[in-house]
Amino acid sequence: MRAAVLGDESPNARLSDPTESHEAAGSISVGHKAASQAIILHILRDAGCPLTDEEIGEEAVWFGTWSPSRLRTARAELVEQGLVRKVGTTLPEGHRTHCALWDVTA
């Protein structure tokens, strides 16, 4: 991933990503990126317990239409910012693999 510059709010794509990923990153507005991050923080704080990406997505429908990819990217951005952290894993009913649990850091 490209090096983040303090205060740089532009969408990211890794240098090794295909052209389509760079085009998609360029199509996301700064406001859309900030809004998706704010929604994730709100969801995690309101839940009062760690959630999986899938659970975050289920709650996010109350705040508009967000793609699972945008929500995972926003959560990863919050991890990079130190606002969200992985706190464990869980094996949800009906899943064959474990899922990460995410929570706010403060």
PDB file of N, CA and C in Angstrom:
ATOM      1  N   MET A   1       0.853  -1.169   0.000  1.00  0.00           N
ATOM      2  CA  MET A   1       0.000   0.000   0.000  1.00  0.00           C
ATOM      3  C   MET A   1       0.895   1.227   0.000  1.00  0.00           C
ATOM      4  N   ARG A   2       0.411   2.287  -0.624  1.00  0.00           N
ATOM      5  CA  ARG A   2       1.236   3.484  -0.671  1.00  0.00           C
ATOM      6  C   ARG A   2       1.373   4.057   0.728  1.00  0.00           C
ATOM      7  N   ALA A   3       2.448   4.760   0.942  1.00  0.00           N
ATOM      8  CA  ALA A   3       2.687   5.341   2.258  1.00  0.00           C
ATOM      9  C   ALA A   3       1.654   6.425   2.521  1.00  0.00           C
ATOM     10  N   ALA A   4       1.063   6.391   3.692  1.00  0.00           N
ATOM     11  CA  ALA A   4       0.072   7.394   4.049  1.00  0.00           C
ATOM     12  C   ALA A   4       0.777   8.652   4.534  1.00  0.00           C
ATOM     13  N   VAL A   5       0.282   9.763   4.083  1.00  0.00           N
ATOM     14  CA  VAL A   5       0.798  11.050   4.511  1.00  0.00           C
ATOM     15  C   VAL A   5      -0.168  11.570   5.554  1.00  0.00           C
ATOM     16  N   LEU A   6       0.350  12.098   6.646  1.00  0.00           N
ATOM     17  CA  LEU A   6      -0.516  12.603   7.698  1.00  0.00           C
ATOM     18  C   LEU A   6      -1.525  13.579   7.118  1.00  0.00           C
ATOM     19  N   GLY A   7      -2.789  13.322   7.364  1.00  0.00           N
ATOM     20  CA  GLY A   7      -3.844  14.174   6.849  1.00  0.00           C
ATOM     21  C   GLY A   7      -4.289  13.799   5.442  1.00  0.00           C
ATOM     22  N   ASP A   8      -3.648  12.812   4.837  1.00  0.00           N
ATOM     23  CA  ASP A   8      -4.025  12.363   3.503  1.00  0.00           C
ATOM     24  C   ASP A   8      -5.253  11.494   3.625  1.00  0.00           C
ATOM     25  N   GLU A   9      -6.366  11.958   3.098  1.00  0.00           N
ATOM     26  CA  GLU A   9      -7.627  11.227   3.200  1.00  0.00           C
ATOM     27  C   GLU A   9      -8.033  10.585   1.875  1.00  0.00           C
ATOM     28  N   SER A  10      -7.134  10.577   0.885  1.00  0.00           N
ATOM     29  CA  SER A  10      -7.510  10.030  -0.411  1.00  0.00           C
ATOM     30  C   SER A  10      -7.565   8.512  -0.353  1.00  0.00           C
ATOM     31  N   PRO A  11      -8.448   7.894  -1.163  1.00  0.00           N
ATOM     32  CA  PRO A  11      -8.549   6.437  -1.197  1.00  0.00           C
ATOM     33  C   PRO A  11      -7.240   5.814  -1.662  1.00  0.00           C
ATOM     34  N   ASN A  12      -7.000   4.581  -1.233  1.00  0.00           N
ATOM     35  CA  ASN A  12      -5.743   3.900  -1.517  1.00  0.00           C
ATOM     36  C   ASN A  12      -5.935   2.673  -2.383  1.00  0.00           C
ATOM     37  N   ALA A  13      -4.894   2.374  -3.162  1.00  0.00           N
ATOM     38  CA  ALA A  13      -4.770   1.100  -3.861  1.00  0.00           C
ATOM     39  C   ALA A  13      -3.286   0.754  -3.817  1.00  0.00           C
ATOM     40  N   ARG A  14      -2.991  -0.527  -3.664  1.00  0.00           N
ATOM     41  CA  ARG A  14      -1.593  -0.954  -3.644  1.00  0.00           C
ATOM     42  C   ARG A  14      -0.995  -0.790  -5.035  1.00  0.00           C
ATOM     43  N   LEU A  15       0.295  -0.508  -5.102  1.00  0.00           N
ATOM     44  CA  LEU A  15       0.959  -0.362  -6.395  1.00  0.00           C
ATOM     45  C   LEU A  15       0.821  -1.622  -7.235  1.00  0.00           C
ATOM     46  N   SER A  16       0.750  -2.779  -6.597  1.00  0.00           N
ATOM     47  CA  SER A  16       0.646  -4.046  -7.313  1.00  0.00           C
ATOM     48  C   SER A  16      -0.783  -4.386  -7.728  1.00  0.00           C
ATOM     49  N   ASP A  17      -1.762  -3.584  -7.296  1.00  0.00           N
ATOM     50  CA  ASP A  17      -3.157  -3.849  -7.642  1.00  0.00           C
ATOM     51  C   ASP A  17      -3.406  -3.608  -9.128  1.00  0.00           C
ATOM     52  N   PRO A  18      -4.397  -4.309  -9.686  1.00  0.00           N
ATOM     53  CA  PRO A  18      -4.723  -4.101 -11.098  1.00  0.00           C
ATOM     54  C   PRO A  18      -5.314  -2.711 -11.336  1.00  0.00           C
ATOM     55  N   THR A  19      -5.353  -2.317 -12.579  1.00  0.00           N
ATOM     56  CA  THR A  19      -5.871  -1.006 -12.973  1.00  0.00           C
ATOM     57  C   THR A  19      -7.263  -0.768 -12.413  1.00  0.00           C
ATOM     58  N   GLU A  20      -8.103  -1.802 -12.411  1.00  0.00           N
ATOM     59  CA  GLU A  20      -9.470  -1.655 -11.927  1.00  0.00           C
ATOM     60  C   GLU A  20      -9.514  -1.198 -10.471  1.00  0.00           C
ATOM     61  N   SER A  21      -8.593  -1.698  -9.660  1.00  0.00           N
ATOM     62  CA  SER A  21      -8.548  -1.297  -8.251  1.00  0.00           C
ATOM     63  C   SER A  21      -8.168   0.169  -8.109  1.00  0.00           C
ATOM     64  N   HIS A  22      -7.234   0.616  -8.924  1.00  0.00           N
ATOM     65  CA  HIS A  22      -6.837   2.029  -8.881  1.00  0.00           C
ATOM     66  C   HIS A  22      -7.989   2.921  -9.333  1.00  0.00           C
ATOM     67  N   GLU A  23      -8.727   2.486 -10.355  1.00  0.00           N
ATOM     68  CA  GLU A  23      -9.886   3.253 -10.812  1.00  0.00           C
ATOM     69  C   GLU A  23     -10.958   3.309  -9.725  1.00  0.00           C
ATOM     70  N   ALA A  24     -11.190   2.188  -9.067  1.00  0.00           N
ATOM     71  CA  ALA A  24     -12.195   2.152  -7.996  1.00  0.00           C
ATOM     72  C   ALA A  24     -11.784   3.058  -6.843  1.00  0.00           C
ATOM     73  N   ALA A  25     -10.516   3.013  -6.461  1.00  0.00           N
ATOM     74  CA  ALA A  25     -10.031   3.868  -5.372  1.00  0.00           C
ATOM     75  C   ALA A  25     -10.200   5.335  -5.739  1.00  0.00           C
ATOM     76  N   GLY A  26      -9.948   5.652  -6.990  1.00  0.00           N
ATOM     77  CA  GLY A  26     -10.087   7.035  -7.431  1.00  0.00           C
ATOM     78  C   GLY A  26     -11.527   7.506  -7.496  1.00  0.00           C
ATOM     79  N   SER A  27     -12.473   6.572  -7.573  1.00  0.00           N
ATOM     80  CA  SER A  27     -13.880   6.940  -7.690  1.00  0.00           C
ATOM     81  C   SER A  27     -14.543   7.182  -6.340  1.00  0.00           C
ATOM     82  N   ILE A  28     -13.868   6.826  -5.244  1.00  0.00           N
ATOM     83  CA  ILE A  28     -14.438   6.997  -3.904  1.00  0.00           C
ATOM     84  C   ILE A  28     -14.128   8.399  -3.409  1.00  0.00           C
ATOM     85  N   SER A  29     -15.159   9.130  -3.064  1.00  0.00           N
ATOM     86  CA  SER A  29     -14.949  10.482  -2.567  1.00  0.00           C
ATOM     87  C   SER A  29     -14.428  10.429  -1.137  1.00  0.00           C
ATOM     88  N   VAL A  30     -13.741  11.501  -0.759  1.00  0.00           N
ATOM     89  CA  VAL A  30     -13.216  11.597   0.606  1.00  0.00           C
ATOM     90  C   VAL A  30     -14.363  11.538   1.606  1.00  0.00           C
ATOM     91  N   GLY A  31     -15.487  12.165   1.290  1.00  0.00           N
ATOM     92  CA  GLY A  31     -16.637  12.141   2.191  1.00  0.00           C
ATOM     93  C   GLY A  31     -17.212  10.751   2.367  1.00  0.00           C
ATOM     94  N   HIS A  32     -17.243   9.968   1.292  1.00  0.00           N
ATOM     95  CA  HIS A  32     -17.738   8.599   1.342  1.00  0.00           C
ATOM     96  C   HIS A  32     -16.829   7.747   2.230  1.00  0.00           C
ATOM     97  N   LYS A  33     -15.530   7.948   2.079  1.00  0.00           N
ATOM     98  CA  LYS A  33     -14.554   7.202   2.884  1.00  0.00           C
ATOM     99  C   LYS A  33     -14.712   7.554   4.362  1.00  0.00           C
ATOM    100  N   ALA A  34     -14.774   8.835   4.672  1.00  0.00           N
ATOM    101  CA  ALA A  34     -14.910   9.264   6.066  1.00  0.00           C
ATOM    102  C   ALA A  34     -16.239   8.797   6.654  1.00  0.00           C
ATOM    103  N   ALA A  35     -17.302   8.830   5.855  1.00  0.00           N
ATOM    104  CA  ALA A  35     -18.618   8.407   6.343  1.00  0.00           C
ATOM    105  C   ALA A  35     -18.619   6.922   6.686  1.00  0.00           C
ATOM    106  N   SER A  36     -18.014   6.100   5.838  1.00  0.00           N
ATOM    107  CA  SER A  36     -17.997   4.663   6.114  1.00  0.00           C
ATOM    108  C   SER A  36     -17.179   4.368   7.369  1.00  0.00           C
ATOM    109  N   GLN A  37     -16.100   5.089   7.580  1.00  0.00           N
ATOM    110  CA  GLN A  37     -15.306   4.908   8.798  1.00  0.00           C
ATOM    111  C   GLN A  37     -16.097   5.338  10.026  1.00  0.00           C
ATOM    112  N   ALA A  38     -16.794   6.456   9.931  1.00  0.00           N
ATOM    113  CA  ALA A  38     -17.590   6.952  11.067  1.00  0.00           C
ATOM    114  C   ALA A  38     -18.701   5.977  11.423  1.00  0.00           C
ATOM    115  N   ILE A  39     -19.313   5.380  10.415  1.00  0.00           N
ATOM    116  CA  ILE A  39     -20.388   4.414  10.665  1.00  0.00           C
ATOM    117  C   ILE A  39     -19.848   3.187  11.394  1.00  0.00           C
ATOM    118  N   ILE A  40     -18.692   2.711  10.985  1.00  0.00           N
ATOM    119  CA  ILE A  40     -18.103   1.541  11.648  1.00  0.00           C
ATOM    120  C   ILE A  40     -17.786   1.861  13.104  1.00  0.00           C
ATOM    121  N   LEU A  41     -17.197   3.017  13.358  1.00  0.00           N
ATOM    122  CA  LEU A  41     -16.907   3.401  14.741  1.00  0.00           C
ATOM    123  C   LEU A  41     -18.200   3.475  15.553  1.00  0.00           C
ATOM    124  N   HIS A  42     -19.237   4.063  14.990  1.00  0.00           N
ATOM    125  CA  HIS A  42     -20.526   4.157  15.688  1.00  0.00           C
ATOM    126  C   HIS A  42     -21.079   2.766  15.989  1.00  0.00           C
ATOM    127  N   ILE A  43     -21.051   1.885  15.005  1.00  0.00           N
ATOM    128  CA  ILE A  43     -21.582   0.531  15.177  1.00  0.00           C
ATOM    129  C   ILE A  43     -20.833  -0.204  16.278  1.00  0.00           C
ATOM    130  N   LEU A  44     -19.509  -0.152  16.255  1.00  0.00           N
ATOM    131  CA  LEU A  44     -18.719  -0.861  17.262  1.00  0.00           C
ATOM    132  C   LEU A  44     -18.925  -0.271  18.654  1.00  0.00           C
ATOM    133  N   ARG A  45     -18.993   1.050  18.759  1.00  0.00           N
ATOM    134  CA  ARG A  45     -19.215   1.666  20.074  1.00  0.00           C
ATOM    135  C   ARG A  45     -20.602   1.343  20.608  1.00  0.00           C
ATOM    136  N   ASP A  46     -21.593   1.383  19.717  1.00  0.00           N
ATOM    137  CA  ASP A  46     -22.977   1.127  20.119  1.00  0.00           C
ATOM    138  C   ASP A  46     -23.189  -0.331  20.508  1.00  0.00           C
ATOM    139  N   ALA A  47     -22.466  -1.249  19.854  1.00  0.00           N
ATOM    140  CA  ALA A  47     -22.637  -2.681  20.126  1.00  0.00           C
ATOM    141  C   ALA A  47     -22.197  -3.037  21.540  1.00  0.00           C
ATOM    142  N   GLY A  48     -21.158  -2.386  22.008  1.00  0.00           N
ATOM    143  CA  GLY A  48     -20.668  -2.683  23.351  1.00  0.00           C
ATOM    144  C   GLY A  48     -19.925  -4.000  23.449  1.00  0.00           C
ATOM    145  N   CYS A  49     -19.685  -4.651  22.320  1.00  0.00           N
ATOM    146  CA  CYS A  49     -18.935  -5.892  22.288  1.00  0.00           C
ATOM    147  C   CYS A  49     -18.289  -6.014  20.903  1.00  0.00           C
ATOM    148  N   PRO A  50     -17.256  -6.830  20.789  1.00  0.00           N
ATOM    149  CA  PRO A  50     -16.608  -7.001  19.484  1.00  0.00           C
ATOM    150  C   PRO A  50     -17.562  -7.610  18.453  1.00  0.00           C
ATOM    151  N   LEU A  51     -17.355  -7.240  17.185  1.00  0.00           N
ATOM    152  CA  LEU A  51     -18.172  -7.739  16.089  1.00  0.00           C
ATOM    153  C   LEU A  51     -17.291  -8.244  14.950  1.00  0.00           C
ATOM    154  N   THR A  52     -17.829  -9.153  14.165  1.00  0.00           N
ATOM    155  CA  THR A  52     -17.154  -9.604  12.953  1.00  0.00           C
ATOM    156  C   THR A  52     -17.457  -8.608  11.830  1.00  0.00           C
ATOM    157  N   ASP A  53     -16.722  -8.705  10.725  1.00  0.00           N
ATOM    158  CA  ASP A  53     -17.022  -7.859   9.566  1.00  0.00           C
ATOM    159  C   ASP A  53     -18.446  -8.090   9.086  1.00  0.00           C
ATOM    160  N   GLU A  54     -18.891  -9.340   9.106  1.00  0.00           N
ATOM    161  CA  GLU A  54     -20.253  -9.657   8.676  1.00  0.00           C
ATOM    162  C   GLU A  54     -21.281  -8.980   9.571  1.00  0.00           C
ATOM    163  N   GLU A  55     -21.056  -9.000  10.872  1.00  0.00           N
ATOM    164  CA  GLU A  55     -21.984  -8.352  11.809  1.00  0.00           C
ATOM    165  C   GLU A  55     -21.978  -6.834  11.617  1.00  0.00           C
ATOM    166  N   ILE A  56     -20.803  -6.269  11.367  1.00  0.00           N
ATOM    167  CA  ILE A  56     -20.723  -4.832  11.085  1.00  0.00           C
ATOM    168  C   ILE A  56     -21.564  -4.517   9.848  1.00  0.00           C
ATOM    169  N   GLY A  57     -21.443  -5.357   8.816  1.00  0.00           N
ATOM    170  CA  GLY A  57     -22.218  -5.162   7.594  1.00  0.00           C
ATOM    171  C   GLY A  57     -23.713  -5.248   7.825  1.00  0.00           C
ATOM    172  N   GLU A  58     -24.130  -6.176   8.684  1.00  0.00           N
ATOM    173  CA  GLU A  58     -25.555  -6.315   8.995  1.00  0.00           C
ATOM    174  C   GLU A  58     -26.092  -5.062   9.686  1.00  0.00           C
ATOM    175  N   GLU A  59     -25.299  -4.461  10.541  1.00  0.00           N
ATOM    176  CA  GLU A  59     -25.718  -3.238  11.235  1.00  0.00           C
ATOM    177  C   GLU A  59     -25.643  -2.020  10.321  1.00  0.00           C
ATOM    178  N   ALA A  60     -24.726  -2.031   9.378  1.00  0.00           N
ATOM    179  CA  ALA A  60     -24.511  -0.876   8.500  1.00  0.00           C
ATOM    180  C   ALA A  60     -25.692  -0.604   7.582  1.00  0.00           C
ATOM    181  N   VAL A  61     -26.535  -1.607   7.345  1.00  0.00           N
ATOM    182  CA  VAL A  61     -27.686  -1.386   6.459  1.00  0.00           C
ATOM    183  C   VAL A  61     -28.616  -0.302   6.997  1.00  0.00           C
ATOM    184  N   TRP A  62     -28.577  -0.048   8.288  1.00  0.00           N
ATOM    185  CA  TRP A  62     -29.402   1.003   8.883  1.00  0.00           C
ATOM    186  C   TRP A  62     -28.916   2.394   8.515  1.00  0.00           C
ATOM    187  N   PHE A  63     -27.698   2.480   7.965  1.00  0.00           N
ATOM    188  CA  PHE A  63     -27.088   3.773   7.672  1.00  0.00           C
ATOM    189  C   PHE A  63     -26.909   4.018   6.181  1.00  0.00           C
ATOM    190  N   GLY A  64     -27.528   3.204   5.349  1.00  0.00           N
ATOM    191  CA  GLY A  64     -27.407   3.384   3.906  1.00  0.00           C
ATOM    192  C   GLY A  64     -26.854   2.135   3.253  1.00  0.00           C
ATOM    193  N   THR A  65     -26.537   2.273   1.985  1.00  0.00           N
ATOM    194  CA  THR A  65     -26.035   1.152   1.206  1.00  0.00           C
ATOM    195  C   THR A  65     -24.516   1.198   1.169  1.00  0.00           C
ATOM    196  N   TRP A  66     -23.897   0.203   1.763  1.00  0.00           N
ATOM    197  CA  TRP A  66     -22.440   0.103   1.800  1.00  0.00           C
ATOM    198  C   TRP A  66     -22.051  -1.282   1.319  1.00  0.00           C
ATOM    199  N   SER A  67     -21.109  -1.353   0.407  1.00  0.00           N
ATOM    200  CA  SER A  67     -20.669  -2.663  -0.064  1.00  0.00           C
ATOM    201  C   SER A  67     -19.831  -3.326   1.027  1.00  0.00           C
ATOM    202  N   PRO A  68     -19.877  -4.647   1.098  1.00  0.00           N
ATOM    203  CA  PRO A  68     -19.022  -5.341   2.068  1.00  0.00           C
ATOM    204  C   PRO A  68     -17.547  -4.986   1.887  1.00  0.00           C
ATOM    205  N   SER A  69     -17.133  -4.802   0.643  1.00  0.00           N
ATOM    206  CA  SER A  69     -15.739  -4.442   0.362  1.00  0.00           C
ATOM    207  C   SER A  69     -15.392  -3.080   0.954  1.00  0.00           C
ATOM    208  N   ARG A  70     -16.285  -2.075   0.784  1.00  0.00           N
ATOM    209  CA  ARG A  70     -16.024  -0.741   1.334  1.00  0.00           C
ATOM    210  C   ARG A  70     -15.963  -0.796   2.848  1.00  0.00           C
ATOM    211  N   LEU A  71     -16.843  -1.590   3.458  1.00  0.00           N
ATOM    212  CA  LEU A  71     -16.847  -1.683   4.919  1.00  0.00           C
ATOM    213  C   LEU A  71     -15.577  -2.356   5.435  1.00  0.00           C
ATOM    214  N   ARG A  72     -15.120  -3.417   4.763  1.00  0.00           N
ATOM    215  CA  ARG A  72     -13.872  -4.071   5.190  1.00  0.00           C
ATOM    216  C   ARG A  72     -12.691  -3.134   5.018  1.00  0.00           C
ATOM    217  N   THR A  73     -12.680  -2.387   3.924  1.00  0.00           N
ATOM    218  CA  THR A  73     -11.592  -1.436   3.688  1.00  0.00           C
ATOM    219  C   THR A  73     -11.608  -0.340   4.741  1.00  0.00           C
ATOM    220  N   ALA A  74     -12.796   0.184   5.047  1.00  0.00           N
ATOM    221  CA  ALA A  74     -12.911   1.228   6.066  1.00  0.00           C
ATOM    222  C   ALA A  74     -12.453   0.710   7.424  1.00  0.00           C
ATOM    223  N   ARG A  75     -12.841  -0.535   7.754  1.00  0.00           N
ATOM    224  CA  ARG A  75     -12.401  -1.122   9.029  1.00  0.00           C
ATOM    225  C   ARG A  75     -10.884  -1.262   9.050  1.00  0.00           C
ATOM    226  N   ALA A  76     -10.288  -1.695   7.946  1.00  0.00           N
ATOM    227  CA  ALA A  76      -8.830  -1.823   7.862  1.00  0.00           C
ATOM    228  C   ALA A  76      -8.151  -0.458   8.002  1.00  0.00           C
ATOM    229  N   GLU A  77      -8.752   0.574   7.435  1.00  0.00           N
ATOM    230  CA  GLU A  77      -8.204   1.931   7.574  1.00  0.00           C
ATOM    231  C   GLU A  77      -8.240   2.366   9.036  1.00  0.00           C
ATOM    232  N   LEU A  78      -9.313   2.024   9.730  1.00  0.00           N
ATOM    233  CA  LEU A  78      -9.418   2.365  11.153  1.00  0.00           C
ATOM    234  C   LEU A  78      -8.394   1.592  11.980  1.00  0.00           C
ATOM    235  N   VAL A  79      -8.097   0.361  11.589  1.00  0.00           N
ATOM    236  CA  VAL A  79      -7.045  -0.410  12.260  1.00  0.00           C
ATOM    237  C   VAL A  79      -5.708   0.296  12.071  1.00  0.00           C
ATOM    238  N   GLU A  80      -5.424   0.716  10.836  1.00  0.00           N
ATOM    239  CA  GLU A  80      -4.165   1.427  10.558  1.00  0.00           C
ATOM    240  C   GLU A  80      -4.063   2.718  11.365  1.00  0.00           C
ATOM    241  N   GLN A  81      -5.199   3.366  11.612  1.00  0.00           N
ATOM    242  CA  GLN A  81      -5.215   4.612  12.382  1.00  0.00           C
ATOM    243  C   GLN A  81      -5.154   4.364  13.887  1.00  0.00           C
ATOM    244  N   GLY A  82      -5.241   3.105  14.298  1.00  0.00           N
ATOM    245  CA  GLY A  82      -5.196   2.774  15.716  1.00  0.00           C
ATOM    246  C   GLY A  82      -6.513   2.968  16.445  1.00  0.00           C
ATOM    247  N   LEU A  83      -7.618   3.109  15.707  1.00  0.00           N
ATOM    248  CA  LEU A  83      -8.923   3.328  16.327  1.00  0.00           C
ATOM    249  C   LEU A  83      -9.709   2.038  16.536  1.00  0.00           C
ATOM    250  N   VAL A  84      -9.365   1.001  15.785  1.00  0.00           N
ATOM    251  CA  VAL A  84     -10.014  -0.304  15.880  1.00  0.00           C
ATOM    252  C   VAL A  84      -8.914  -1.354  15.948  1.00  0.00           C
ATOM    253  N   ARG A  85      -9.186  -2.442  16.682  1.00  0.00           N
ATOM    254  CA  ARG A  85      -8.183  -3.505  16.788  1.00  0.00           C
ATOM    255  C   ARG A  85      -8.868  -4.866  16.770  1.00  0.00           C
ATOM    256  N   LYS A  86      -8.107  -5.858  16.339  1.00  0.00           N
ATOM    257  CA  LYS A  86      -8.585  -7.235  16.385  1.00  0.00           C
ATOM    258  C   LYS A  86      -8.443  -7.722  17.820  1.00  0.00           C
ATOM    259  N   VAL A  87      -9.521  -8.299  18.362  1.00  0.00           N
ATOM    260  CA  VAL A  87      -9.501  -8.734  19.755  1.00  0.00           C
ATOM    261  C   VAL A  87      -9.691 -10.239  19.911  1.00  0.00           C
ATOM    262  N   GLY A  88      -9.767 -10.946  18.811  1.00  0.00           N
ATOM    263  CA  GLY A  88      -9.937 -12.395  18.884  1.00  0.00           C
ATOM    264  C   GLY A  88     -10.589 -12.917  17.631  1.00  0.00           C
ATOM    265  N   THR A  89     -11.069 -14.152  17.735  1.00  0.00           N
ATOM    266  CA  THR A  89     -11.774 -14.779  16.625  1.00  0.00           C
ATOM    267  C   THR A  89     -12.993 -15.513  17.165  1.00  0.00           C
ATOM    268  N   THR A  90     -13.903 -15.851  16.270  1.00  0.00           N
ATOM    269  CA  THR A  90     -15.089 -16.609  16.625  1.00  0.00           C
ATOM    270  C   THR A  90     -15.445 -17.511  15.451  1.00  0.00           C
ATOM    271  N   LEU A  91     -16.160 -18.558  15.739  1.00  0.00           N
ATOM    272  CA  LEU A  91     -16.660 -19.457  14.697  1.00  0.00           C
ATOM    273  C   LEU A  91     -18.178 -19.318  14.691  1.00  0.00           C
ATOM    274  N   PRO A  92     -18.697 -18.387  13.865  1.00  0.00           N
ATOM    275  CA  PRO A  92     -20.147 -18.181  13.844  1.00  0.00           C
ATOM    276  C   PRO A  92     -20.883 -19.423  13.358  1.00  0.00           C
ATOM    277  N   GLU A  93     -22.089 -19.583  13.848  1.00  0.00           N
ATOM    278  CA  GLU A  93     -22.918 -20.708  13.433  1.00  0.00           C
ATOM    279  C   GLU A  93     -23.089 -20.681  11.917  1.00  0.00           C
ATOM    280  N   GLY A  94     -22.891 -21.829  11.288  1.00  0.00           N
ATOM    281  CA  GLY A  94     -23.035 -21.921   9.847  1.00  0.00           C
ATOM    282  C   GLY A  94     -21.764 -21.603   9.068  1.00  0.00           C
ATOM    283  N   HIS A  95     -20.716 -21.175   9.763  1.00  0.00           N
ATOM    284  CA  HIS A  95     -19.444 -20.876   9.103  1.00  0.00           C
ATOM    285  C   HIS A  95     -18.498 -22.060   9.256  1.00  0.00           C
ATOM    286  N   ARG A  96     -17.648 -22.239   8.273  1.00  0.00           N
ATOM    287  CA  ARG A  96     -16.667 -23.321   8.333  1.00  0.00           C
ATOM    288  C   ARG A  96     -15.304 -22.824   8.806  1.00  0.00           C
ATOM    289  N   THR A  97     -15.122 -21.522   8.806  1.00  0.00           N
ATOM    290  CA  THR A  97     -13.846 -20.947   9.235  1.00  0.00           C
ATOM    291  C   THR A  97     -14.095 -19.869  10.279  1.00  0.00           C
ATOM    292  N   HIS A  98     -13.064 -19.589  11.050  1.00  0.00           N
ATOM    293  CA  HIS A  98     -13.154 -18.554  12.073  1.00  0.00           C
ATOM    294  C   HIS A  98     -13.177 -17.170  11.437  1.00  0.00           C
ATOM    295  N   CYS A  99     -13.794 -16.237  12.128  1.00  0.00           N
ATOM    296  CA  CYS A  99     -13.857 -14.833  11.704  1.00  0.00           C
ATOM    297  C   CYS A  99     -13.205 -13.976  12.770  1.00  0.00           C
ATOM    298  N   ALA A 100     -12.519 -12.932  12.337  1.00  0.00           N
ATOM    299  CA  ALA A 100     -11.911 -11.987  13.280  1.00  0.00           C
ATOM    300  C   ALA A 100     -12.990 -11.179  13.990  1.00  0.00           C
ATOM    301  N   LEU A 101     -12.720 -10.845  15.227  1.00  0.00           N
ATOM    302  CA  LEU A 101     -13.580  -9.973  16.020  1.00  0.00           C
ATOM    303  C   LEU A 101     -12.887  -8.623  16.144  1.00  0.00           C
ATOM    304  N   TRP A 102     -13.629  -7.554  15.899  1.00  0.00           N
ATOM    305  CA  TRP A 102     -13.083  -6.195  15.907  1.00  0.00           C
ATOM    306  C   TRP A 102     -13.763  -5.352  16.978  1.00  0.00           C
ATOM    307  N   ASP A 103     -12.992  -4.462  17.612  1.00  0.00           N
ATOM    308  CA  ASP A 103     -13.544  -3.573  18.623  1.00  0.00           C
ATOM    309  C   ASP A 103     -12.785  -2.241  18.584  1.00  0.00           C
ATOM    310  N   VAL A 104     -13.405  -1.215  19.125  1.00  0.00           N
ATOM    311  CA  VAL A 104     -12.750   0.100  19.210  1.00  0.00           C
ATOM    312  C   VAL A 104     -11.631   0.005  20.244  1.00  0.00           C
ATOM    313  N   THR A 105     -10.624   0.840  20.081  1.00  0.00           N
ATOM    314  CA  THR A 105      -9.489   0.800  21.009  1.00  0.00           C
ATOM    315  C   THR A 105      -9.744   1.627  22.258  1.00  0.00           C
ATOM    316  N   ALA A 106     -10.629   2.587  22.201  1.00  0.00           N
ATOM    317  CA  ALA A 106     -10.906   3.403  23.386  1.00  0.00           C
ATOM    318  C   ALA A 106     -12.356   3.765  23.467  1.00  0.00           C
TER     319      ALA A 106
END
